[in-house]
Amino acid sequence: MTTRYDVAIIGTGAGGGTLAWTLASTGKRILVLERGEYVPREKDNWSTRAVNLEGKYNTKEVWRDAAGAELHPHTNYYVGGNTKFYGAALFRLRREDFGELKHWGGVSPAWPISYEDLEPYYASAERLYQVHGERGVDPTDPPGAPYPHPPVSHEPRIQQLADDFARLGCRPFHVPLGVMLDETKPGKSRCIRCGTCDGHPCLVSAKADAQVVCVDPALEHPNVTLLTGALVKRLETSASGREVTRIVVERGGAVETYAADIVVVACGAINSAALLLRSANDRHPRGLANGSDVVGRHYMGHVNSVLMAVSKCPNPTIFQKTLGLNDFYFGSEDWDHPMGHISFVGKLDGDTLKAGAPAIAPGWTLDLMARHSLDFWLTSEDLPAPDNRVTLDRDGSIVLSYQPNNAEAHRRLIAKLKSLMARQTKCRVHGHDCHEGLFARNLFLGQRIPLAGVAHQNGTIRFGHDPRTSALDADCKAHEVDNLYVVDGSFFPSSAAVNPALTIMANALRVGDHLKSRLA
């Protein structure tokens, strides 16, 4: 027997979780399917050894790369999706990112909607996810209402660096963060500014992730049902192929089927594409909704690097991810192509560095390196290429094929940061000038995020006005299937160079308004 709902949402992350929240108040019968369970609440939530070195919460699923080698993806299947482990940096795309942009490595295409179309939903998403920030300081910040909460303050070492960047003519800003922090009430704030926010689940539920902010409140409505441990294997259609009629689910070792008037896929850009490809049938021989042959193509994950600046000067910062720099986002005086975004990762420690950092000099242990490093995160735009794609092997497992692009822009972004750091003259620690740590003598350790690092995945089921070149229309409905929508990062036609989470959340609210009208 197939149980029927008004809406079925597959996935509970930034897209699916947000959509469930915004539709919960409609009174419609909503089914939410999540392949994972809740993240167990335990001490290891805050253990860098468990999270980063042992990969305790990573999926044990094995994918393959284009050469057939095993790929162990750094992704997580839990209620709340990857927002349970994100660093909660919640950026709007820049207004220019919605138009065509020429890069050194190619062209970033225009979106079928404008920044102004999404702006009110960005504002709503910032309120929903309790974003702390300061509008207008970032030189590329698009127009909008003030952030709902003040920015998260810098600790002394990061504030000193921000001051030095400003002295050098840059415009540093506070990274917009979705955390439940009230710095006016010491000891009473839900967020305690711990050192294990980025990449870790929050033990005290103080990070604004999709489970805490959206899924749990949605479940307070009796019309919303969540099934965990529910892996959707395929979607089946009517004889005409124009509507999804059955959702085939593997749960607890048994096969179950569900149906809904509207089916929304939000499994993450890689798994959503894989689901549509696995759902091929006579009417959709290349995969569900894939007459354009774009499903799975144009995979983007950003060109990301971690750069450690290690000096004799210590960095006692605990909550490091508060500073950003976008002065080179669209280029510079000496290079008129976009380069990208500079910010921080959470403070690295010795256990995290054991996952791959080399020894740099005699006497430098990994723990000592971590105590003396500033740990930067650099992002350049990943350009959409049709052969960067998700496919399936013979047994239906995921194959992720990818060739890096836009490398020159990223190389120049790294060089800009190194140049800025070399022009630092001193640092201030514990209220005293430290003249031993001249940044001209810094050691820089850089590492590109590998293919397995899929945290910023997007682009595999792009939206657009032309059914010949896109899978979804501007409302994120499949061109070829009347009751199928996609609301995770799959819909992106370009990746921009900032974290995609807030755009996924805002778009889910936008699609939610469309669905409310359709369901009325």
Protein backbone atom coordinates (compact mmCIF):
# COMPACT_ATOMS: atom_id res chain seq x y z
CA MET A 1 0.00 0.00 0.00
CA THR A 2 1.32 3.46 -0.96
CA THR A 3 0.64 6.26 1.53
CA ARG A 4 -0.12 9.60 -0.11
CA TYR A 5 0.82 13.12 1.02
CA ASP A 6 0.36 16.60 -0.35
CA VAL A 7 4.12 17.25 -0.42
CA ALA A 8 7.10 14.93 -0.06
CA ILE A 9 10.53 16.46 0.61
CA ILE A 10 13.61 14.27 0.19
CA GLY A 11 16.44 15.61 2.35
CA THR A 12 16.61 17.82 5.44
CA GLY A 13 19.57 20.12 4.81
CA ALA A 14 19.75 23.79 3.83
CA GLY A 15 17.20 23.30 1.04
CA GLY A 16 14.89 20.54 2.24
CA GLY A 17 14.90 21.51 5.91
CA THR A 18 14.16 25.16 5.12
CA LEU A 19 11.36 24.20 2.73
CA ALA A 20 9.80 21.90 5.33
CA TRP A 21 9.77 24.78 7.82
CA THR A 22 8.16 27.28 5.46
CA LEU A 23 5.46 24.81 4.31
CA ALA A 24 4.67 23.46 7.78
CA SER A 25 2.21 26.24 8.54
CA THR A 26 0.09 25.49 5.45
CA GLY A 27 -1.67 22.58 7.16
CA LYS A 28 -0.92 20.36 4.15
CA ARG A 29 0.22 16.80 4.80
CA ILE A 30 3.99 16.92 4.43
CA LEU A 31 6.33 13.93 4.39
CA VAL A 32 10.03 14.54 4.99
CA LEU A 33 12.38 11.69 4.10
CA GLU A 34 15.93 11.61 5.48
CA ARG A 35 18.37 8.79 4.79
CA GLY A 36 20.26 9.45 8.03
CA GLU A 37 19.36 9.69 11.70
CA TYR A 38 19.86 12.50 14.20
CA VAL A 39 23.49 13.24 15.05
CA PRO A 40 24.12 11.51 18.39
CA ARG A 41 24.66 14.06 21.14
CA GLU A 42 27.97 13.03 22.69
CA LYS A 43 31.36 14.33 23.77
CA ASP A 44 32.86 13.42 20.38
CA ASN A 45 30.79 16.22 18.82
CA TRP A 46 33.53 18.51 20.11
CA SER A 47 36.50 16.20 19.52
CA THR A 48 38.77 17.27 16.67
CA ARG A 49 40.35 13.83 16.77
CA ALA A 50 36.99 12.10 16.28
CA VAL A 51 35.63 14.56 13.72
CA ASN A 52 38.68 15.51 11.65
CA LEU A 53 41.23 12.75 12.12
CA GLU A 54 38.99 9.71 12.47
CA GLY A 55 36.10 11.00 10.35
CA LYS A 56 33.62 9.53 12.82
CA TYR A 57 30.56 11.24 11.34
CA ASN A 58 31.51 10.97 7.66
CA THR A 59 29.56 8.61 5.47
CA LYS A 60 31.32 5.28 4.91
CA GLU A 61 29.88 5.21 1.40
CA VAL A 62 32.47 4.78 -1.36
CA TRP A 63 32.26 6.68 -4.65
CA ARG A 64 34.69 6.58 -7.57
CA ASP A 65 36.53 9.21 -9.54
CA ALA A 66 36.80 9.36 -13.34
CA ALA A 67 39.73 6.93 -13.32
CA GLY A 68 37.82 4.38 -11.25
CA ALA A 69 39.77 4.97 -8.04
CA GLU A 70 37.89 4.85 -4.75
CA LEU A 71 36.67 8.20 -3.47
CA HIS A 72 35.73 8.57 0.19
CA PRO A 73 33.52 11.68 0.27
CA HIS A 74 33.74 14.13 3.16
CA THR A 75 29.98 14.37 3.58
CA ASN A 76 27.44 13.51 6.25
CA TYR A 77 23.98 11.94 6.20
CA TYR A 78 22.03 13.19 9.19
CA VAL A 79 18.91 15.19 9.98
CA GLY A 80 19.94 18.71 9.06
CA GLY A 81 22.23 17.46 6.30
CA ASN A 82 25.64 19.02 6.00
CA THR A 83 24.50 22.13 7.89
CA LYS A 84 25.08 20.07 11.04
CA PHE A 85 28.80 20.29 10.24
CA TYR A 86 29.14 23.57 8.34
CA GLY A 87 30.95 26.62 9.64
CA ALA A 88 27.71 28.66 9.45
CA ALA A 89 29.26 31.33 7.19
CA LEU A 90 26.10 32.66 5.51
CA PHE A 91 26.90 34.95 2.59
CA ARG A 92 24.62 36.41 -0.04
CA LEU A 93 25.91 35.99 -3.56
CA ARG A 94 27.15 39.31 -4.86
CA ARG A 95 24.67 41.18 -7.06
CA GLU A 96 27.07 40.81 -10.01
CA ASP A 97 27.17 37.02 -9.52
CA PHE A 98 23.65 36.81 -10.94
CA GLY A 99 24.85 38.18 -14.29
CA GLU A 100 27.40 36.91 -16.78
CA LEU A 101 30.96 37.37 -15.53
CA LYS A 102 34.13 36.93 -17.54
CA HIS A 103 36.89 35.07 -15.71
CA TRP A 104 40.46 34.26 -16.64
CA GLY A 105 39.39 30.63 -17.07
CA GLY A 106 36.11 31.21 -18.92
CA VAL A 107 32.65 32.65 -18.51
CA SER A 108 30.34 32.37 -15.52
CA PRO A 109 26.79 32.34 -16.95
CA ALA A 110 23.88 34.53 -15.88
CA TRP A 111 21.07 33.25 -13.70
CA PRO A 112 17.41 33.25 -14.83
CA ILE A 113 16.56 35.35 -11.79
CA SER A 114 18.17 38.57 -10.53
CA TYR A 115 19.59 39.52 -7.16
CA GLU A 116 16.49 41.68 -6.63
CA ASP A 117 14.27 38.61 -7.10
CA LEU A 118 16.08 36.79 -4.30
CA GLU A 119 16.84 39.74 -2.01
CA PRO A 120 13.68 39.60 0.15
CA TYR A 121 14.26 35.89 0.66
CA TYR A 122 17.88 36.52 1.61
CA ALA A 123 16.58 38.89 4.29
CA SER A 124 14.09 36.26 5.52
CA ALA A 125 16.77 33.56 5.57
CA GLU A 126 19.11 35.81 7.56
CA ARG A 127 16.37 36.30 10.16
CA LEU A 128 15.50 32.60 10.23
CA TYR A 129 19.12 31.48 10.60
CA GLN A 130 19.97 34.27 13.06
CA VAL A 131 22.83 35.71 11.00
CA HIS A 132 25.26 38.06 12.75
CA GLY A 133 26.99 40.58 10.51
CA GLU A 134 27.53 44.18 9.49
CA ARG A 135 26.02 45.34 6.22
CA GLY A 136 28.04 47.51 3.84
CA VAL A 137 31.55 47.10 5.23
CA ASP A 138 32.46 44.37 2.74
CA PRO A 139 33.14 46.35 -0.47
CA THR A 140 31.28 43.75 -2.56
CA ASP A 141 28.30 43.43 -0.20
CA PRO A 142 25.05 43.73 -2.17
CA PRO A 143 22.36 46.12 -0.93
CA GLY A 144 19.97 44.97 1.75
CA ALA A 145 18.53 45.57 5.17
CA PRO A 146 20.85 45.49 8.21
CA TYR A 147 21.67 42.07 9.58
CA PRO A 148 19.28 40.93 12.32
CA HIS A 149 22.14 40.57 14.82
CA PRO A 150 25.43 42.46 15.38
CA PRO A 151 28.63 40.93 14.03
CA VAL A 152 30.57 38.35 15.99
CA SER A 153 33.51 40.20 17.55
CA HIS A 154 37.11 39.42 16.68
CA GLU A 155 39.44 38.00 19.30
CA PRO A 156 42.57 40.16 19.84
CA ARG A 157 44.87 38.43 17.34
CA ILE A 158 42.23 38.55 14.59
CA GLN A 159 41.33 42.16 15.41
CA GLN A 160 44.99 43.12 15.08
CA LEU A 161 45.13 41.42 11.69
CA ALA A 162 41.97 43.24 10.60
CA ASP A 163 43.55 46.54 11.65
CA ASP A 164 46.70 45.71 9.67
CA PHE A 165 44.69 44.81 6.56
CA ALA A 166 42.91 48.15 6.85
CA ARG A 167 46.25 49.94 7.26
CA LEU A 168 47.35 48.35 3.99
CA GLY A 169 44.33 49.80 2.19
CA CYS A 170 42.01 46.79 2.33
CA ARG A 171 38.45 46.68 3.67
CA PRO A 172 38.24 43.71 6.05
CA PHE A 173 34.81 42.80 7.42
CA HIS A 174 33.13 40.51 9.90
CA VAL A 175 32.05 37.24 8.30
CA PRO A 176 28.24 36.81 8.52
CA LEU A 177 27.69 33.85 10.85
CA GLY A 178 24.59 31.89 11.80
CA VAL A 179 25.20 31.30 15.50
CA MET A 180 22.96 31.83 18.53
CA LEU A 181 25.30 34.24 20.24
CA ASP A 182 24.52 37.14 22.54
CA GLU A 183 27.75 38.87 23.50
CA THR A 184 25.86 41.34 25.71
CA LYS A 185 25.05 38.54 28.16
CA PRO A 186 28.27 36.81 29.19
CA GLY A 187 27.57 33.40 30.67
CA LYS A 188 23.98 33.36 29.39
CA SER A 189 24.53 33.14 25.64
CA ARG A 190 23.52 29.87 24.03
CA CYS A 191 26.67 29.99 21.86
CA ILE A 192 29.84 29.89 23.96
CA ARG A 193 32.35 30.66 21.16
CA CYS A 194 33.95 27.24 21.38
CA GLY A 195 36.87 26.12 19.25
CA THR A 196 34.94 23.36 17.49
CA CYS A 197 32.22 25.11 15.52
CA ASP A 198 33.54 24.81 11.97
CA GLY A 199 33.22 21.23 10.74
CA HIS A 200 31.69 19.91 13.98
CA PRO A 201 28.12 19.34 15.18
CA CYS A 202 27.21 21.68 18.02
CA LEU A 203 26.80 19.86 21.32
CA VAL A 204 24.67 22.69 22.77
CA SER A 205 22.54 23.28 19.63
CA ALA A 206 23.81 26.85 19.33
CA LYS A 207 24.70 26.71 15.65
CA ALA A 208 21.90 27.75 13.31
CA ASP A 209 21.70 24.51 11.35
CA ALA A 210 18.69 23.21 9.45
CA GLN A 211 17.74 20.64 12.07
CA VAL A 212 17.69 23.07 14.99
CA VAL A 213 16.24 26.07 13.13
CA CYS A 214 13.84 24.40 10.70
CA VAL A 215 13.22 20.66 10.99
CA ASP A 216 12.53 20.46 14.71
CA PRO A 217 10.15 23.49 14.66
CA ALA A 218 8.40 22.06 11.57
CA LEU A 219 7.74 18.82 13.45
CA GLU A 220 5.79 20.75 16.06
CA HIS A 221 3.05 20.91 13.41
CA PRO A 222 0.96 17.70 13.40
CA ASN A 223 0.72 17.73 9.61
CA VAL A 224 4.49 17.19 9.19
CA THR A 225 5.94 13.66 9.32
CA LEU A 226 9.69 12.90 9.36
CA LEU A 227 10.98 9.44 8.48
CA THR A 228 14.67 8.85 9.24
CA GLY A 229 16.76 6.00 7.91
CA ALA A 230 14.74 6.38 4.71
CA LEU A 231 16.97 6.08 1.63
CA VAL A 232 15.09 7.02 -1.54
CA LYS A 233 16.18 4.59 -4.25
CA ARG A 234 14.22 5.91 -7.23
CA LEU A 235 11.27 7.97 -8.37
CA GLU A 236 8.68 6.36 -10.63
CA THR A 237 6.39 8.22 -13.03
CA SER A 238 3.04 7.86 -14.72
CA ALA A 239 2.91 6.27 -18.18
CA SER A 240 3.14 9.72 -19.74
CA GLY A 241 6.26 10.53 -17.73
CA ARG A 242 4.76 13.88 -16.76
CA GLU A 243 4.38 13.26 -13.03
CA VAL A 244 6.12 11.37 -10.24
CA THR A 245 3.66 8.79 -8.94
CA ARG A 246 5.76 6.73 -6.50
CA ILE A 247 8.74 7.30 -4.25
CA VAL A 248 10.57 4.03 -3.64
CA VAL A 249 12.27 3.99 -0.24
CA GLU A 250 14.57 1.50 1.46
CA ARG A 251 14.02 1.68 5.22
CA GLY A 252 14.95 -0.77 7.94
CA GLY A 253 15.83 -3.42 5.39
CA ALA A 254 12.42 -3.25 3.71
CA VAL A 255 11.10 -1.45 0.64
CA GLU A 256 8.33 1.12 1.19
CA THR A 257 6.52 3.33 -1.30
CA TYR A 258 5.03 6.78 -0.90
CA ALA A 259 3.26 9.23 -3.17
CA ALA A 260 2.69 12.98 -3.11
CA ASP A 261 1.02 15.62 -5.22
CA ILE A 262 4.35 17.49 -5.20
CA VAL A 263 7.76 15.82 -4.85
CA VAL A 264 10.79 17.92 -3.88
CA VAL A 265 14.33 16.58 -4.19
CA ALA A 266 16.91 18.09 -1.81
CA CYS A 267 19.58 15.42 -1.32
CA GLY A 268 22.57 17.64 -2.12
CA ALA A 269 23.75 18.35 -5.65
CA ILE A 270 25.58 15.05 -6.07
CA ASN A 271 22.97 12.71 -4.60
CA SER A 272 20.05 14.57 -6.18
CA ALA A 273 21.59 14.16 -9.61
CA ALA A 274 22.30 10.50 -8.86
CA LEU A 275 18.66 9.96 -7.81
CA LEU A 276 17.33 11.43 -11.06
CA LEU A 277 19.79 9.35 -13.07
CA ARG A 278 18.77 6.18 -11.19
CA SER A 279 15.13 7.01 -11.97
CA ALA A 280 15.51 6.60 -15.76
CA ASN A 281 12.57 4.96 -17.54
CA ASP A 282 11.15 4.62 -21.04
CA ARG A 283 9.92 8.21 -21.06
CA HIS A 284 13.12 9.53 -19.48
CA PRO A 285 15.83 7.21 -20.85
CA ARG A 286 18.77 9.43 -19.80
CA GLY A 287 17.42 10.02 -16.32
CA LEU A 288 14.34 11.65 -14.88
CA ALA A 289 13.78 15.19 -16.23
CA ASN A 290 16.96 14.88 -18.31
CA GLY A 291 15.88 15.49 -21.88
CA SER A 292 18.43 18.31 -21.99
CA ASP A 293 21.23 15.93 -20.89
CA VAL A 294 22.37 18.41 -18.22
CA VAL A 295 21.44 16.35 -15.14
CA GLY A 296 24.69 15.49 -13.39
CA ARG A 297 26.71 17.87 -15.56
CA HIS A 298 28.35 21.20 -14.59
CA TYR A 299 29.31 19.96 -11.13
CA MET A 300 30.96 22.73 -9.13
CA GLY A 301 32.48 22.63 -5.67
CA HIS A 302 34.58 25.82 -5.64
CA VAL A 303 38.33 26.15 -5.98
CA ASN A 304 39.20 26.03 -2.28
CA SER A 305 42.46 26.06 -0.35
CA VAL A 306 43.51 26.19 3.27
CA LEU A 307 46.62 28.33 3.79
CA MET A 308 48.42 28.25 7.12
CA ALA A 309 50.62 31.23 7.94
CA VAL A 310 53.02 29.98 10.60
CA SER A 311 55.33 32.34 12.48
CA LYS A 312 57.14 32.67 15.80
CA CYS A 313 54.25 34.86 16.91
CA PRO A 314 51.57 32.73 18.64
CA ASN A 315 47.88 32.85 17.80
CA PRO A 316 45.83 32.10 20.93
CA THR A 317 42.50 32.64 19.15
CA ILE A 318 39.72 30.16 19.96
CA PHE A 319 36.84 31.25 17.69
CA GLN A 320 38.82 32.22 14.61
CA LYS A 321 36.27 32.34 11.78
CA THR A 322 35.22 35.98 12.09
CA LEU A 323 37.31 37.89 9.52
CA GLY A 324 36.79 38.14 5.76
CA LEU A 325 38.44 39.96 2.86
CA ASN A 326 36.77 40.49 -0.53
CA ASP A 327 38.99 43.22 -1.97
CA PHE A 328 40.10 40.88 -4.77
CA TYR A 329 36.72 39.24 -5.38
CA PHE A 330 36.27 40.94 -8.77
CA GLY A 331 39.95 41.63 -9.49
CA SER A 332 42.56 44.23 -8.62
CA GLU A 333 44.48 47.12 -10.14
CA ASP A 334 47.00 44.74 -11.68
CA TRP A 335 44.59 41.99 -12.84
CA ASP A 336 41.08 42.68 -14.12
CA HIS A 337 39.63 39.18 -13.62
CA PRO A 338 37.83 37.90 -10.50
CA MET A 339 40.06 36.16 -7.96
CA GLY A 340 37.78 35.30 -5.06
CA HIS A 341 37.22 35.39 -1.34
CA ILE A 342 39.52 35.18 1.70
CA SER A 343 38.38 34.22 5.20
CA PHE A 344 39.28 31.69 7.90
CA VAL A 345 38.62 28.12 8.87
CA GLY A 346 38.05 27.19 12.48
CA LYS A 347 41.28 27.21 14.50
CA LEU A 348 43.40 24.23 13.56
CA ASP A 349 45.02 22.02 16.19
CA GLY A 350 47.58 19.22 16.23
CA ASP A 351 45.03 16.43 15.84
CA THR A 352 43.52 18.06 12.77
CA LEU A 353 46.96 18.60 11.25
CA LYS A 354 47.77 14.91 11.65
CA ALA A 355 45.36 14.30 8.80
CA GLY A 356 47.98 15.56 6.35
CA ALA A 357 50.17 18.52 7.32
CA PRO A 358 53.93 17.95 6.93
CA ALA A 359 56.63 18.79 9.45
CA ILE A 360 58.08 22.16 8.40
CA ALA A 361 61.35 22.49 10.28
CA PRO A 362 63.28 20.82 13.10
CA GLY A 363 61.63 21.51 16.43
CA TRP A 364 58.23 22.34 14.92
CA THR A 365 55.72 19.78 16.16
CA LEU A 366 52.17 19.76 14.77
CA ASP A 367 50.83 21.07 18.08
CA LEU A 368 53.38 23.90 18.04
CA MET A 369 52.54 24.74 14.43
CA ALA A 370 48.86 24.97 15.32
CA ARG A 371 49.55 27.31 18.23
CA HIS A 372 51.46 29.66 15.91
CA SER A 373 49.30 29.59 12.79
CA LEU A 374 46.66 31.76 11.21
CA ASP A 375 44.45 29.40 9.22
CA PHE A 376 43.01 30.99 6.09
CA TRP A 377 40.31 29.69 3.75
CA LEU A 378 40.49 30.89 0.15
CA THR A 379 37.72 30.41 -2.42
CA SER A 380 37.77 31.13 -6.14
CA GLU A 381 34.85 30.55 -8.47
CA ASP A 382 34.56 27.09 -9.97
CA LEU A 383 33.36 27.50 -13.55
CA PRO A 384 30.64 25.18 -14.92
CA ALA A 385 32.07 22.60 -17.32
CA PRO A 386 29.79 19.95 -18.85
CA ASP A 387 32.30 17.15 -18.35
CA ASN A 388 32.65 17.88 -14.64
CA ARG A 389 29.80 15.63 -13.73
CA VAL A 390 28.03 13.01 -11.66
CA THR A 391 27.39 9.65 -13.34
CA LEU A 392 26.61 6.14 -12.13
CA ASP A 393 28.64 2.98 -12.51
CA ARG A 394 27.13 -0.40 -13.35
CA ASP A 395 25.93 -1.08 -9.82
CA GLY A 396 24.39 2.39 -9.46
CA SER A 397 27.18 3.86 -7.32
CA ILE A 398 28.25 7.47 -7.74
CA VAL A 399 31.11 8.43 -10.04
CA LEU A 400 32.38 12.01 -9.68
CA SER A 401 34.44 13.20 -12.65
CA TYR A 402 36.22 16.53 -12.30
CA GLN A 403 39.01 18.55 -13.89
CA PRO A 404 40.05 21.72 -12.02
CA ASN A 405 39.62 25.07 -13.72
CA ASN A 406 40.22 28.79 -13.07
CA ALA A 407 43.52 27.85 -11.41
CA GLU A 408 45.31 31.09 -12.33
CA ALA A 409 42.72 33.17 -10.49
CA HIS A 410 43.22 31.04 -7.38
CA ARG A 411 47.01 31.20 -7.66
CA ARG A 412 46.83 34.99 -7.79
CA LEU A 413 44.45 35.10 -4.81
CA ILE A 414 46.95 33.10 -2.76
CA ALA A 415 49.75 35.42 -3.89
CA LYS A 416 47.72 38.48 -2.83
CA LEU A 417 47.26 37.05 0.67
CA LYS A 418 50.93 36.14 0.98
CA SER A 419 51.89 39.65 -0.11
CA LEU A 420 49.61 41.19 2.51
CA MET A 421 51.02 38.94 5.21
CA ALA A 422 54.60 39.73 4.22
CA ARG A 423 53.85 43.43 4.77
CA GLN A 424 52.84 42.90 8.39
CA THR A 425 55.52 44.31 10.68
CA LYS A 426 54.54 42.95 14.06
CA CYS A 427 51.73 41.26 15.91
CA ARG A 428 50.22 41.98 19.29
CA VAL A 429 49.73 39.14 21.76
CA HIS A 430 48.44 39.45 25.31
CA GLY A 431 48.61 43.24 25.02
CA HIS A 432 52.29 43.33 24.04
CA ASP A 433 53.94 43.92 20.67
CA CYS A 434 55.64 40.79 19.42
CA HIS A 435 58.62 41.77 17.25
CA GLU A 436 59.84 38.18 16.87
CA GLY A 437 57.00 37.21 14.54
CA LEU A 438 57.66 39.32 11.45
CA PHE A 439 55.37 38.01 8.73
CA ALA A 440 58.09 38.47 6.12
CA ARG A 441 59.64 35.42 7.78
CA ASN A 442 56.43 33.40 7.80
CA LEU A 443 56.20 29.85 6.61
CA PHE A 444 53.15 29.22 4.44
CA LEU A 445 51.62 25.77 4.14
CA GLY A 446 48.88 25.48 1.57
CA GLN A 447 46.63 22.62 0.55
CA ARG A 448 43.95 22.52 -2.12
CA ILE A 449 40.73 20.92 -0.93
CA PRO A 450 40.62 17.54 -2.73
CA LEU A 451 37.79 16.14 -4.84
CA ALA A 452 36.41 14.33 -1.78
CA GLY A 453 35.77 17.70 -0.12
CA VAL A 454 32.24 18.23 -1.41
CA ALA A 455 30.90 20.69 1.18
CA HIS A 456 30.17 23.39 -1.45
CA GLN A 457 28.64 21.06 -4.07
CA ASN A 458 26.29 22.68 -6.56
CA GLY A 459 25.28 22.97 -10.19
CA THR A 460 24.22 19.48 -11.32
CA ILE A 461 20.53 20.16 -12.11
CA ARG A 462 20.72 23.75 -13.28
CA PHE A 463 17.70 26.02 -13.65
CA GLY A 464 17.00 28.26 -16.62
CA HIS A 465 14.39 29.43 -19.09
CA ASP A 466 15.42 27.12 -21.96
CA PRO A 467 14.50 23.41 -21.60
CA ARG A 468 17.25 22.57 -24.08
CA THR A 469 20.00 23.82 -21.76
CA SER A 470 18.52 23.41 -18.28
CA ALA A 471 16.60 20.80 -16.29
CA LEU A 472 14.55 23.17 -14.11
CA ASP A 473 12.54 26.31 -14.78
CA ALA A 474 12.99 29.54 -12.83
CA ASP A 475 10.76 28.18 -10.02
CA CYS A 476 13.01 25.10 -9.75
CA LYS A 477 10.31 22.84 -11.23
CA ALA A 478 11.49 20.22 -13.70
CA HIS A 479 10.69 21.29 -17.26
CA GLU A 480 9.57 17.75 -18.11
CA VAL A 481 7.84 16.63 -14.90
CA ASP A 482 4.94 18.70 -13.63
CA ASN A 483 5.16 17.84 -9.92
CA LEU A 484 8.94 17.57 -9.43
CA TYR A 485 11.07 20.32 -7.84
CA VAL A 486 14.72 20.55 -6.73
CA VAL A 487 15.77 22.95 -3.94
CA ASP A 488 19.33 22.09 -2.91
CA GLY A 489 22.46 23.55 -4.53
CA SER A 490 21.81 21.57 -7.72
CA PHE A 491 19.94 24.49 -9.28
CA PHE A 492 22.97 26.84 -9.40
CA PRO A 493 24.04 27.71 -12.98
CA SER A 494 27.24 29.25 -11.55
CA SER A 495 28.99 28.88 -8.21
CA ALA A 496 30.17 32.44 -7.41
CA ALA A 497 33.00 32.50 -4.83
CA VAL A 498 31.22 32.55 -1.47
CA ASN A 499 29.64 29.76 0.54
CA PRO A 500 26.40 28.55 -1.11
CA ALA A 501 24.34 27.76 2.02
CA LEU A 502 22.44 31.05 2.43
CA THR A 503 21.51 31.11 -1.26
CA ILE A 504 20.13 27.57 -0.98
CA MET A 505 18.13 28.60 2.10
CA ALA A 506 16.81 31.79 0.49
CA ASN A 507 15.84 29.94 -2.68
CA ALA A 508 13.99 27.31 -0.64
CA LEU A 509 11.92 30.11 0.90
CA ARG A 510 11.29 31.52 -2.59
CA VAL A 511 10.19 28.15 -3.97
CA GLY A 512 8.13 27.70 -0.80
CA ASP A 513 6.10 30.79 -1.66
CA HIS A 514 5.53 29.42 -5.15
CA LEU A 515 4.38 26.07 -3.73
CA LYS A 516 2.05 27.73 -1.23
CA SER A 517 0.27 29.36 -4.18
CA ARG A 518 0.15 26.07 -6.04
CA LEU A 519 -1.21 24.21 -3.00
CA ALA A 520 -3.85 26.84 -2.17
